[in-house]
Amino acid sequence: MNVVFVDSVLGTELLHMVSHDVAGTLAAAQGESVTFPVGHFKYEFHNLDFYEEDGEIRQELVIYVKKV
């Protein structure tokens, strides 16, 4: 599944990845902090989004984080 990390303040995408362990990725993101090349962030909330692409319904987990 596609997993996207988004800065909840600026709305910028920090990382777009594919994960086969979505529950593990979400659990890790909800830990102490998440580090990206642009700094340390803390989990805020997440959404599971469904969308249509090329006639197929797809899903992605969007994880919103805030810089600490």
PDB file of N, CA and C in Angstrom:
ATOM      1  N   MET A   1       0.837  -1.170   0.000  1.00  0.00           N
ATOM      2  CA  MET A   1       0.000   0.000   0.000  1.00  0.00           C
ATOM      3  C   MET A   1       0.889   1.242   0.000  1.00  0.00           C
ATOM      4  N   ASN A   2       0.420   2.267  -0.667  1.00  0.00           N
ATOM      5  CA  ASN A   2       1.130   3.542  -0.643  1.00  0.00           C
ATOM      6  C   ASN A   2       0.990   4.168   0.733  1.00  0.00           C
ATOM      7  N   VAL A   3       2.084   4.693   1.245  1.00  0.00           N
ATOM      8  CA  VAL A   3       2.101   5.412   2.510  1.00  0.00           C
ATOM      9  C   VAL A   3       2.759   6.762   2.243  1.00  0.00           C
ATOM     10  N   VAL A   4       2.076   7.833   2.660  1.00  0.00           N
ATOM     11  CA  VAL A   4       2.580   9.180   2.430  1.00  0.00           C
ATOM     12  C   VAL A   4       2.697   9.885   3.777  1.00  0.00           C
ATOM     13  N   PHE A   5       3.861  10.475   4.034  1.00  0.00           N
ATOM     14  CA  PHE A   5       4.062  11.295   5.227  1.00  0.00           C
ATOM     15  C   PHE A   5       3.938  12.755   4.808  1.00  0.00           C
ATOM     16  N   VAL A   6       3.102  13.509   5.533  1.00  0.00           N
ATOM     17  CA  VAL A   6       2.836  14.903   5.188  1.00  0.00           C
ATOM     18  C   VAL A   6       3.060  15.783   6.418  1.00  0.00           C
ATOM     19  N   ASP A   7       3.728  16.917   6.221  1.00  0.00           N
ATOM     20  CA  ASP A   7       3.882  17.920   7.276  1.00  0.00           C
ATOM     21  C   ASP A   7       2.515  18.560   7.490  1.00  0.00           C
ATOM     22  N   SER A   8       1.927  18.369   8.670  1.00  0.00           N
ATOM     23  CA  SER A   8       0.567  18.844   8.917  1.00  0.00           C
ATOM     24  C   SER A   8       0.458  20.364   8.993  1.00  0.00           C
ATOM     25  N   VAL A   9       1.553  21.053   9.219  1.00  0.00           N
ATOM     26  CA  VAL A   9       1.523  22.516   9.291  1.00  0.00           C
ATOM     27  C   VAL A   9       1.645  23.128   7.894  1.00  0.00           C
ATOM     28  N   LEU A  10       2.631  22.680   7.134  1.00  0.00           N
ATOM     29  CA  LEU A  10       2.897  23.249   5.813  1.00  0.00           C
ATOM     30  C   LEU A  10       2.139  22.547   4.685  1.00  0.00           C
ATOM     31  N   GLY A  11       1.699  21.294   4.931  1.00  0.00           N
ATOM     32  CA  GLY A  11       1.012  20.544   3.892  1.00  0.00           C
ATOM     33  C   GLY A  11       1.938  19.931   2.860  1.00  0.00           C
ATOM     34  N   THR A  12       3.240  19.966   3.108  1.00  0.00           N
ATOM     35  CA  THR A  12       4.196  19.422   2.150  1.00  0.00           C
ATOM     36  C   THR A  12       4.404  17.927   2.367  1.00  0.00           C
ATOM     37  N   GLU A  13       4.589  17.221   1.273  1.00  0.00           N
ATOM     38  CA  GLU A  13       4.851  15.785   1.329  1.00  0.00           C
ATOM     39  C   GLU A  13       6.317  15.561   1.700  1.00  0.00           C
ATOM     40  N   LEU A  14       6.542  14.790   2.734  1.00  0.00           N
ATOM     41  CA  LEU A  14       7.899  14.503   3.196  1.00  0.00           C
ATOM     42  C   LEU A  14       8.443  13.210   2.611  1.00  0.00           C
ATOM     43  N   LEU A  15       7.574  12.232   2.414  1.00  0.00           N
ATOM     44  CA  LEU A  15       8.001  10.934   1.906  1.00  0.00           C
ATOM     45  C   LEU A  15       6.808  10.203   1.325  1.00  0.00           C
ATOM     46  N   HIS A  16       7.019   9.550   0.195  1.00  0.00           N
ATOM     47  CA  HIS A  16       6.017   8.679  -0.418  1.00  0.00           C
ATOM     48  C   HIS A  16       6.671   7.320  -0.586  1.00  0.00           C
ATOM     49  N   MET A  17       6.083   6.287   0.022  1.00  0.00           N
ATOM     50  CA  MET A  17       6.695   4.963  -0.023  1.00  0.00           C
ATOM     51  C   MET A  17       5.620   3.902  -0.187  1.00  0.00           C
ATOM     52  N   VAL A  18       6.039   2.686  -0.501  1.00  0.00           N
ATOM     53  CA  VAL A  18       5.148   1.529  -0.563  1.00  0.00           C
ATOM     54  C   VAL A  18       5.536   0.604   0.577  1.00  0.00           C
ATOM     55  N   SER A  19       4.526   0.165   1.340  1.00  0.00           N
ATOM     56  CA  SER A  19       4.783  -0.725   2.470  1.00  0.00           C
ATOM     57  C   SER A  19       3.836  -1.921   2.424  1.00  0.00           C
ATOM     58  N   HIS A  20       4.375  -3.088   2.736  1.00  0.00           N
ATOM     59  CA  HIS A  20       3.551  -4.293   2.857  1.00  0.00           C
ATOM     60  C   HIS A  20       3.229  -4.560   4.323  1.00  0.00           C
ATOM     61  N   ASP A  21       3.760  -3.734   5.217  1.00  0.00           N
ATOM     62  CA  ASP A  21       3.485  -3.821   6.646  1.00  0.00           C
ATOM     63  C   ASP A  21       2.963  -2.465   7.112  1.00  0.00           C
ATOM     64  N   VAL A  22       1.750  -2.146   6.700  1.00  0.00           N
ATOM     65  CA  VAL A  22       1.174  -0.836   6.989  1.00  0.00           C
ATOM     66  C   VAL A  22       0.965  -0.651   8.489  1.00  0.00           C
ATOM     67  N   ALA A  23       0.517  -1.691   9.167  1.00  0.00           N
ATOM     68  CA  ALA A  23       0.311  -1.598  10.617  1.00  0.00           C
ATOM     69  C   ALA A  23       1.637  -1.319  11.328  1.00  0.00           C
ATOM     70  N   GLY A  24       2.697  -1.956  10.899  1.00  0.00           N
ATOM     71  CA  GLY A  24       4.014  -1.725  11.487  1.00  0.00           C
ATOM     72  C   GLY A  24       4.524  -0.325  11.206  1.00  0.00           C
ATOM     73  N   THR A  25       4.311   0.160   9.995  1.00  0.00           N
ATOM     74  CA  THR A  25       4.731   1.514   9.636  1.00  0.00           C
ATOM     75  C   THR A  25       3.979   2.545  10.467  1.00  0.00           C
ATOM     76  N   LEU A  26       2.666   2.347  10.619  1.00  0.00           N
ATOM     77  CA  LEU A  26       1.862   3.267  11.412  1.00  0.00           C
ATOM     78  C   LEU A  26       2.286   3.227  12.881  1.00  0.00           C
ATOM     79  N   ALA A  27       2.506   2.039  13.424  1.00  0.00           N
ATOM     80  CA  ALA A  27       2.943   1.907  14.822  1.00  0.00           C
ATOM     81  C   ALA A  27       4.287   2.598  15.040  1.00  0.00           C
ATOM     82  N   ALA A  28       5.200   2.446  14.101  1.00  0.00           N
ATOM     83  CA  ALA A  28       6.509   3.093  14.219  1.00  0.00           C
ATOM     84  C   ALA A  28       6.368   4.611  14.149  1.00  0.00           C
ATOM     85  N   ALA A  29       5.495   5.096  13.277  1.00  0.00           N
ATOM     86  CA  ALA A  29       5.295   6.544  13.143  1.00  0.00           C
ATOM     87  C   ALA A  29       4.696   7.144  14.411  1.00  0.00           C
ATOM     88  N   GLN A  30       3.942   6.352  15.154  1.00  0.00           N
ATOM     89  CA  GLN A  30       3.308   6.841  16.378  1.00  0.00           C
ATOM     90  C   GLN A  30       4.259   6.796  17.580  1.00  0.00           C
ATOM     91  N   GLY A  31       5.495   6.404  17.352  1.00  0.00           N
ATOM     92  CA  GLY A  31       6.498   6.356  18.417  1.00  0.00           C
ATOM     93  C   GLY A  31       6.984   7.738  18.815  1.00  0.00           C
ATOM     94  N   GLU A  32       8.159   7.786  19.412  1.00  0.00           N
ATOM     95  CA  GLU A  32       8.719   9.035  19.955  1.00  0.00           C
ATOM     96  C   GLU A  32       8.845  10.124  18.888  1.00  0.00           C
ATOM     97  N   SER A  33       9.425   9.787  17.732  1.00  0.00           N
ATOM     98  CA  SER A  33       9.546  10.757  16.641  1.00  0.00           C
ATOM     99  C   SER A  33       9.910  10.030  15.355  1.00  0.00           C
ATOM    100  N   VAL A  34       9.757  10.744  14.246  1.00  0.00           N
ATOM    101  CA  VAL A  34      10.134  10.241  12.925  1.00  0.00           C
ATOM    102  C   VAL A  34      11.155  11.227  12.379  1.00  0.00           C
ATOM    103  N   THR A  35      12.265  10.725  11.863  1.00  0.00           N
ATOM    104  CA  THR A  35      13.316  11.594  11.347  1.00  0.00           C
ATOM    105  C   THR A  35      13.361  11.537   9.823  1.00  0.00           C
ATOM    106  N   PHE A  36      13.335  12.706   9.209  1.00  0.00           N
ATOM    107  CA  PHE A  36      13.484  12.866   7.767  1.00  0.00           C
ATOM    108  C   PHE A  36      14.714  13.752   7.541  1.00  0.00           C
ATOM    109  N   PRO A  37      15.225  13.830   6.324  1.00  0.00           N
ATOM    110  CA  PRO A  37      16.378  14.696   6.070  1.00  0.00           C
ATOM    111  C   PRO A  37      16.140  16.160   6.471  1.00  0.00           C
ATOM    112  N   VAL A  38      14.868  16.577   6.551  1.00  0.00           N
ATOM    113  CA  VAL A  38      14.561  17.972   6.888  1.00  0.00           C
ATOM    114  C   VAL A  38      14.276  18.177   8.377  1.00  0.00           C
ATOM    115  N   GLY A  39      14.417  17.128   9.195  1.00  0.00           N
ATOM    116  CA  GLY A  39      14.249  17.298  10.637  1.00  0.00           C
ATOM    117  C   GLY A  39      13.468  16.192  11.318  1.00  0.00           C
ATOM    118  N   HIS A  40      13.186  16.407  12.605  1.00  0.00           N
ATOM    119  CA  HIS A  40      12.455  15.446  13.431  1.00  0.00           C
ATOM    120  C   HIS A  40      10.989  15.865  13.498  1.00  0.00           C
ATOM    121  N   PHE A  41      10.122  14.871  13.412  1.00  0.00           N
ATOM    122  CA  PHE A  41       8.687  15.123  13.406  1.00  0.00           C
ATOM    123  C   PHE A  41       7.998  14.199  14.396  1.00  0.00           C
ATOM    124  N   LYS A  42       6.806  14.609  14.846  1.00  0.00           N
ATOM    125  CA  LYS A  42       6.003  13.841  15.778  1.00  0.00           C
ATOM    126  C   LYS A  42       4.659  13.538  15.123  1.00  0.00           C
ATOM    127  N   TYR A  43       4.191  12.306  15.280  1.00  0.00           N
ATOM    128  CA  TYR A  43       2.896  11.874  14.739  1.00  0.00           C
ATOM    129  C   TYR A  43       1.769  12.755  15.268  1.00  0.00           C
ATOM    130  N   GLU A  44       0.826  13.118  14.388  1.00  0.00           N
ATOM    131  CA  GLU A  44      -0.369  13.855  14.790  1.00  0.00           C
ATOM    132  C   GLU A  44      -1.636  13.043  14.540  1.00  0.00           C
ATOM    133  N   PHE A  45      -1.866  12.615  13.293  1.00  0.00           N
ATOM    134  CA  PHE A  45      -3.047  11.812  12.958  1.00  0.00           C
ATOM    135  C   PHE A  45      -2.831  11.163  11.598  1.00  0.00           C
ATOM    136  N   HIS A  46      -3.765  10.309  11.193  1.00  0.00           N
ATOM    137  CA  HIS A  46      -3.647   9.672   9.884  1.00  0.00           C
ATOM    138  C   HIS A  46      -5.021   9.525   9.243  1.00  0.00           C
ATOM    139  N   ASN A  47      -5.025   9.355   7.933  1.00  0.00           N
ATOM    140  CA  ASN A  47      -6.233   9.109   7.146  1.00  0.00           C
ATOM    141  C   ASN A  47      -5.965   7.950   6.203  1.00  0.00           C
ATOM    142  N   LEU A  48      -6.984   7.163   5.952  1.00  0.00           N
ATOM    143  CA  LEU A  48      -6.922   6.140   4.914  1.00  0.00           C
ATOM    144  C   LEU A  48      -7.739   6.669   3.751  1.00  0.00           C
ATOM    145  N   ASP A  49      -7.068   6.967   2.653  1.00  0.00           N
ATOM    146  CA  ASP A  49      -7.720   7.568   1.491  1.00  0.00           C
ATOM    147  C   ASP A  49      -7.898   6.542   0.379  1.00  0.00           C
ATOM    148  N   PHE A  50      -9.062   6.565  -0.252  1.00  0.00           N
ATOM    149  CA  PHE A  50      -9.345   5.734  -1.418  1.00  0.00           C
ATOM    150  C   PHE A  50      -9.509   6.659  -2.611  1.00  0.00           C
ATOM    151  N   TYR A  51      -8.966   6.242  -3.754  1.00  0.00           N
ATOM    152  CA  TYR A  51      -9.053   7.054  -4.962  1.00  0.00           C
ATOM    153  C   TYR A  51      -9.070   6.140  -6.176  1.00  0.00           C
ATOM    154  N   GLU A  52      -9.481   6.683  -7.306  1.00  0.00           N
ATOM    155  CA  GLU A  52      -9.539   5.906  -8.539  1.00  0.00           C
ATOM    156  C   GLU A  52      -8.381   6.304  -9.439  1.00  0.00           C
ATOM    157  N   GLU A  53      -7.695   5.295  -9.982  1.00  0.00           N
ATOM    158  CA  GLU A  53      -6.590   5.529 -10.907  1.00  0.00           C
ATOM    159  C   GLU A  53      -6.645   4.462 -11.988  1.00  0.00           C
ATOM    160  N   ASP A  54      -6.728   4.879 -13.236  1.00  0.00           N
ATOM    161  CA  ASP A  54      -6.809   3.964 -14.378  1.00  0.00           C
ATOM    162  C   ASP A  54      -7.963   2.969 -14.217  1.00  0.00           C
ATOM    163  N   GLY A  55      -9.082   3.461 -13.710  1.00  0.00           N
ATOM    164  CA  GLY A  55     -10.268   2.628 -13.569  1.00  0.00           C
ATOM    165  C   GLY A  55     -10.245   1.673 -12.379  1.00  0.00           C
ATOM    166  N   GLU A  56      -9.218   1.731 -11.551  1.00  0.00           N
ATOM    167  CA  GLU A  56      -9.107   0.863 -10.381  1.00  0.00           C
ATOM    168  C   GLU A  56      -9.195   1.698  -9.108  1.00  0.00           C
ATOM    169  N   ILE A  57      -9.837   1.130  -8.089  1.00  0.00           N
ATOM    170  CA  ILE A  57      -9.883   1.780  -6.785  1.00  0.00           C
ATOM    171  C   ILE A  57      -8.596   1.426  -6.047  1.00  0.00           C
ATOM    172  N   ARG A  58      -7.888   2.441  -5.600  1.00  0.00           N
ATOM    173  CA  ARG A  58      -6.635   2.259  -4.867  1.00  0.00           C
ATOM    174  C   ARG A  58      -6.770   2.917  -3.500  1.00  0.00           C
ATOM    175  N   GLN A  59      -5.832   2.580  -2.628  1.00  0.00           N
ATOM    176  CA  GLN A  59      -5.859   3.164  -1.287  1.00  0.00           C
ATOM    177  C   GLN A  59      -4.463   3.585  -0.880  1.00  0.00           C
ATOM    178  N   GLU A  60      -4.424   4.581  -0.015  1.00  0.00           N
ATOM    179  CA  GLU A  60      -3.140   5.002   0.533  1.00  0.00           C
ATOM    180  C   GLU A  60      -3.354   5.498   1.962  1.00  0.00           C
ATOM    181  N   LEU A  61      -2.359   5.269   2.773  1.00  0.00           N
ATOM    182  CA  LEU A  61      -2.362   5.735   4.146  1.00  0.00           C
ATOM    183  C   LEU A  61      -1.583   7.040   4.186  1.00  0.00           C
ATOM    184  N   VAL A  62      -2.230   8.107   4.636  1.00  0.00           N
ATOM    185  CA  VAL A  62      -1.575   9.403   4.755  1.00  0.00           C
ATOM    186  C   VAL A  62      -1.348   9.666   6.238  1.00  0.00           C
ATOM    187  N   ILE A  63      -0.065   9.795   6.621  1.00  0.00           N
ATOM    188  CA  ILE A  63       0.315  10.016   8.007  1.00  0.00           C
ATOM    189  C   ILE A  63       0.774  11.468   8.141  1.00  0.00           C
ATOM    190  N   TYR A  64       0.087  12.211   8.998  1.00  0.00           N
ATOM    191  CA  TYR A  64       0.401  13.625   9.209  1.00  0.00           C
ATOM    192  C   TYR A  64       1.294  13.763  10.438  1.00  0.00           C
ATOM    193  N   VAL A  65       2.375  14.502  10.262  1.00  0.00           N
ATOM    194  CA  VAL A  65       3.359  14.697  11.336  1.00  0.00           C
ATOM    195  C   VAL A  65       3.645  16.192  11.471  1.00  0.00           C
ATOM    196  N   LYS A  66       4.108  16.576  12.666  1.00  0.00           N
ATOM    197  CA  LYS A  66       4.418  17.979  12.940  1.00  0.00           C
ATOM    198  C   LYS A  66       5.858  18.087  13.393  1.00  0.00           C
ATOM    199  N   LYS A  67       6.580  19.074  12.876  1.00  0.00           N
ATOM    200  CA  LYS A  67       7.990  19.254  13.227  1.00  0.00           C
ATOM    201  C   LYS A  67       8.133  19.590  14.715  1.00  0.00           C
ATOM    202  N   VAL A  68       9.123  18.936  15.345  1.00  0.00           N
ATOM    203  CA  VAL A  68       9.367  19.200  16.781  1.00  0.00           C
ATOM    204  C   VAL A  68      10.638  19.996  16.968  1.00  0.00           C
TER     205      VAL A  68
END
